[in-house]
Amino acid sequence: SGRFVQFKTKNHFRVVQGIAVVCYATFLYGVANEQEYERFCAAERIAGTILMLLCVLLIGMHVTLPISILSSAVVTFKRWQWMGFSNVTPELVWSTLVSHATA
């Protein structure tokens, strides 16, 4: 029979949640500093998938919205950096906000 991780106390589970948040923040830091566009696009997709899984893990802490906003801000800032900030129009800003709010 296989061995499973057992959380004996709520504190054990909180430690796992904290480690998950730190790992995700580290990954987002890597996404924000990516220099190749193709890798950035792939990392953006991976970050979205990890965010969904992380939201399930963190649902009891009520921090899913702030983490989601942080993730969206990092990815959006980097995407606009690739485009050139001079090319960012008010319509683009508005459509980005609406798309993130409805996603």
Protein backbone atom coordinates (compact mmCIF):
# COMPACT_ATOMS: atom_id res chain seq x y z
CA SER A 1 0.00 0.00 0.00
CA GLY A 2 1.17 3.54 -0.81
CA ARG A 3 2.06 6.14 1.76
CA PHE A 4 0.18 9.40 1.82
CA VAL A 5 1.04 12.65 3.51
CA GLN A 6 -1.13 13.14 6.54
CA PHE A 7 -1.71 16.52 8.09
CA LYS A 8 -2.04 16.00 11.82
CA THR A 9 -2.90 19.60 12.65
CA LYS A 10 -4.23 22.67 10.92
CA ASN A 11 -0.79 24.25 11.32
CA HIS A 12 0.78 21.55 9.14
CA PHE A 13 -1.68 22.38 6.38
CA ARG A 14 -0.99 26.13 6.78
CA VAL A 15 2.74 25.48 6.35
CA VAL A 16 2.05 23.63 3.10
CA GLN A 17 -0.13 26.52 1.94
CA GLY A 18 2.62 29.01 2.78
CA ILE A 19 5.20 26.98 0.88
CA ALA A 20 2.85 26.81 -2.12
CA VAL A 21 2.43 30.61 -2.12
CA VAL A 22 6.20 31.17 -1.91
CA CYS A 23 6.81 28.72 -4.76
CA TYR A 24 4.17 30.42 -6.92
CA ALA A 25 5.60 33.88 -6.17
CA THR A 26 9.04 32.62 -7.17
CA PHE A 27 7.63 31.24 -10.42
CA LEU A 28 5.90 34.59 -11.13
CA TYR A 29 9.21 36.34 -10.56
CA GLY A 30 10.70 34.09 -13.22
CA VAL A 31 7.82 34.86 -15.59
CA ALA A 32 8.31 38.60 -15.06
CA ASN A 33 12.01 38.33 -15.88
CA GLU A 34 11.71 36.05 -18.92
CA GLN A 35 13.67 37.37 -21.89
CA GLU A 36 12.34 35.14 -24.70
CA TYR A 37 8.79 35.74 -25.89
CA GLU A 38 8.00 32.08 -26.64
CA ARG A 39 9.06 31.01 -23.16
CA PHE A 40 7.09 33.87 -21.65
CA CYS A 41 3.92 32.74 -23.44
CA ALA A 42 4.41 29.17 -22.23
CA ALA A 43 5.17 30.33 -18.68
CA GLU A 44 2.06 32.53 -18.74
CA ARG A 45 -0.10 29.49 -19.55
CA ILE A 46 1.59 27.43 -16.85
CA ALA A 47 1.11 30.25 -14.34
CA GLY A 48 -2.61 30.30 -15.10
CA THR A 49 -2.89 26.56 -14.55
CA ILE A 50 -0.91 26.70 -11.32
CA LEU A 51 -3.07 29.61 -10.16
CA MET A 52 -6.24 27.55 -10.56
CA LEU A 53 -4.73 24.70 -8.53
CA LEU A 54 -3.42 27.13 -5.93
CA CYS A 55 -6.86 28.71 -5.55
CA VAL A 56 -8.27 25.31 -4.60
CA LEU A 57 -5.52 24.84 -2.02
CA LEU A 58 -5.95 28.34 -0.59
CA ILE A 59 -9.73 28.66 -0.64
CA GLY A 60 -9.94 28.53 3.16
CA MET A 61 -7.50 31.40 3.64
CA HIS A 62 -9.53 33.89 1.57
CA VAL A 63 -6.44 35.04 -0.32
CA THR A 64 -7.32 33.74 -3.77
CA LEU A 65 -8.43 37.14 -5.09
CA PRO A 66 -5.26 39.03 -4.07
CA ILE A 67 -3.05 36.28 -5.49
CA SER A 68 -5.06 36.26 -8.71
CA ILE A 69 -4.79 40.05 -9.01
CA LEU A 70 -1.04 39.93 -8.39
CA SER A 71 -0.60 37.23 -11.01
CA SER A 72 -2.66 39.13 -13.58
CA ALA A 73 -0.77 42.34 -12.88
CA VAL A 74 2.62 40.67 -13.34
CA VAL A 75 1.65 38.98 -16.60
CA THR A 76 -0.10 42.08 -17.96
CA PHE A 77 2.85 44.34 -17.12
CA LYS A 78 5.26 41.97 -18.85
CA ARG A 79 3.00 41.64 -21.91
CA TRP A 80 2.76 45.44 -22.19
CA GLN A 81 6.53 45.63 -21.78
CA TRP A 82 6.91 43.29 -24.78
CA MET A 83 4.50 45.49 -26.78
CA GLY A 84 6.14 48.71 -25.73
CA PHE A 85 4.39 50.93 -23.21
CA SER A 86 3.98 53.67 -25.81
CA ASN A 87 1.68 51.30 -27.75
CA VAL A 88 -0.65 50.71 -24.80
CA THR A 89 -3.90 52.54 -25.48
CA PRO A 90 -6.77 53.31 -23.07
CA GLU A 91 -8.89 50.77 -24.96
CA LEU A 92 -6.27 48.09 -24.35
CA VAL A 93 -6.13 48.93 -20.65
CA TRP A 94 -9.92 48.78 -20.39
CA SER A 95 -10.22 45.51 -22.32
CA THR A 96 -7.47 43.96 -20.18
CA LEU A 97 -9.25 44.96 -16.97
CA VAL A 98 -12.58 43.63 -18.23
CA SER A 99 -11.09 40.35 -19.45
CA HIS A 100 -9.32 39.73 -16.14
CA ALA A 101 -12.41 40.66 -14.14
CA THR A 102 -14.62 38.25 -16.07
CA ALA A 103 -12.16 35.37 -16.30
